[in-house]
Amino acid sequence: MVRMYCCYVHHIYVCVNCSPQEARIQMVRGISQELTNEKYHNSTSIAERFSVIDNKWTELQNKLDELRGTLSQYHDLMSVFSEMEDCLTEMRQLEVSGCVRGWGLIIDVPI
């Protein structure tokens, strides 16, 4: 259970760190397009290099989206486990209080 929680926290950390990178990718995209439009002497190699960067960025985003779905399911499962643990704790407390008050007492339960 702790391992799933750690994976979830790690994923959130990775997503938060990737968000600012999106702005940088957009900035590099703009620079690449501007150099290509201005027919800079090395614009083809710049465009090719940006294409490689963009493909890797897209792959990373796709992997993060896949992991986001999986970790969302883990989060839901963790919530269920947490609710189960809370219920068990409450049942134990009721069991203890029922035993303490139950000795020698008849509990009047309507039928």
Protein backbone atom coordinates (compact mmCIF):
# COMPACT_ATOMS: atom_id res chain seq x y z
CA MET A 1 0.00 0.00 0.00
CA VAL A 2 2.87 2.34 0.81
CA ARG A 3 4.53 1.45 -2.49
CA MET A 4 1.43 2.50 -4.46
CA TYR A 5 1.28 5.78 -2.54
CA CYS A 6 4.97 6.45 -3.25
CA CYS A 7 4.40 5.77 -6.97
CA TYR A 8 1.48 8.19 -6.95
CA VAL A 9 3.53 10.91 -5.23
CA HIS A 10 6.42 10.34 -7.64
CA HIS A 11 4.09 10.67 -10.62
CA ILE A 12 2.71 13.95 -9.28
CA TYR A 13 6.28 15.19 -8.82
CA VAL A 14 7.17 14.26 -12.41
CA CYS A 15 4.03 15.91 -13.80
CA VAL A 16 4.71 19.10 -11.86
CA ASN A 17 8.28 19.19 -13.15
CA CYS A 18 7.15 18.59 -16.75
CA SER A 19 4.59 21.39 -16.77
CA PRO A 20 7.12 24.24 -16.93
CA GLN A 21 8.99 22.35 -19.65
CA GLU A 22 5.97 22.72 -21.94
CA ALA A 23 6.56 26.48 -22.10
CA ARG A 24 10.20 25.88 -23.00
CA ILE A 25 9.24 23.47 -25.77
CA GLN A 26 6.83 26.06 -27.16
CA MET A 27 9.57 28.69 -27.04
CA VAL A 28 12.02 26.41 -28.88
CA ARG A 29 9.31 25.62 -31.42
CA GLY A 30 8.81 29.34 -32.06
CA ILE A 31 12.54 29.96 -32.43
CA SER A 32 12.86 27.02 -34.82
CA GLN A 33 9.97 28.24 -36.96
CA GLU A 34 11.31 31.78 -37.00
CA LEU A 35 14.77 30.63 -38.11
CA THR A 36 13.21 28.44 -40.79
CA ASN A 37 11.01 31.29 -42.01
CA GLU A 38 14.00 33.63 -42.14
CA LYS A 39 15.94 30.99 -44.10
CA TYR A 40 18.78 30.90 -41.62
CA HIS A 41 21.82 29.14 -43.12
CA ASN A 42 21.49 26.10 -40.82
CA SER A 43 17.69 26.04 -40.62
CA THR A 44 17.30 22.48 -41.96
CA SER A 45 19.49 20.99 -39.24
CA ILE A 46 17.70 23.12 -36.64
CA ALA A 47 14.32 21.90 -37.91
CA GLU A 48 15.51 18.28 -37.86
CA ARG A 49 16.88 18.62 -34.34
CA PHE A 50 13.66 20.22 -33.14
CA SER A 51 11.70 17.42 -34.79
CA VAL A 52 13.67 14.89 -32.71
CA ILE A 53 13.09 16.92 -29.54
CA ASP A 54 9.39 17.29 -30.32
CA ASN A 55 9.01 13.54 -30.95
CA LYS A 56 10.68 12.72 -27.64
CA TRP A 57 8.52 15.27 -25.85
CA THR A 58 5.38 13.77 -27.39
CA GLU A 59 6.48 10.26 -26.34
CA LEU A 60 7.06 11.50 -22.79
CA GLN A 61 3.64 13.14 -22.68
CA ASN A 62 1.99 9.94 -23.94
CA LYS A 63 3.78 7.84 -21.31
CA LEU A 64 2.75 10.29 -18.60
CA ASP A 65 -0.86 10.12 -19.76
CA GLU A 66 -0.78 6.32 -19.60
CA LEU A 67 0.75 6.42 -16.13
CA ARG A 68 -1.74 9.04 -15.03
CA GLY A 69 -4.58 6.64 -15.81
CA THR A 70 -2.89 3.76 -13.98
CA LEU A 71 -2.01 5.88 -10.99
CA SER A 72 -5.51 7.28 -10.88
CA GLN A 73 -6.76 3.71 -10.51
CA TYR A 74 -4.16 3.14 -7.77
CA HIS A 75 -5.39 6.27 -6.03
CA ASP A 76 -8.97 4.99 -6.15
CA LEU A 77 -7.80 1.66 -4.74
CA MET A 78 -5.89 3.45 -1.98
CA SER A 79 -9.06 5.36 -1.12
CA VAL A 80 -10.98 2.10 -0.81
CA PHE A 81 -8.26 0.64 1.43
CA SER A 82 -8.31 3.76 3.56
CA GLU A 83 -12.10 3.57 3.95
CA MET A 84 -11.82 -0.12 4.85
CA GLU A 85 -9.21 0.67 7.48
CA ASP A 86 -11.40 3.43 8.94
CA CYS A 87 -14.36 1.02 9.09
CA LEU A 88 -12.26 -1.64 10.81
CA THR A 89 -11.03 0.88 13.35
CA GLU A 90 -14.59 1.98 14.10
CA MET A 91 -15.73 -1.65 14.40
CA ARG A 92 -12.92 -2.38 16.86
CA GLN A 93 -13.89 0.64 18.94
CA LEU A 94 -17.53 -0.44 18.94
CA GLU A 95 -16.51 -3.99 19.86
CA VAL A 96 -14.45 -2.77 22.82
CA SER A 97 -17.15 -0.39 24.07
CA GLY A 98 -19.81 -3.09 23.60
CA CYS A 99 -17.77 -5.58 25.65
CA VAL A 100 -17.16 -3.10 28.43
CA ARG A 101 -20.80 -2.14 28.72
CA GLY A 102 -22.15 -5.55 27.78
CA TRP A 103 -20.98 -7.54 30.80
CA GLY A 104 -23.92 -7.94 33.11
CA LEU A 105 -26.17 -5.75 30.99
CA ILE A 106 -28.88 -6.84 28.66
CA ILE A 107 -29.06 -4.63 25.65
CA ASP A 108 -32.64 -3.88 24.70
CA VAL A 109 -32.86 -4.34 20.92
CA PRO A 110 -36.26 -3.90 19.28
CA ILE A 111 -37.25 -6.76 17.03
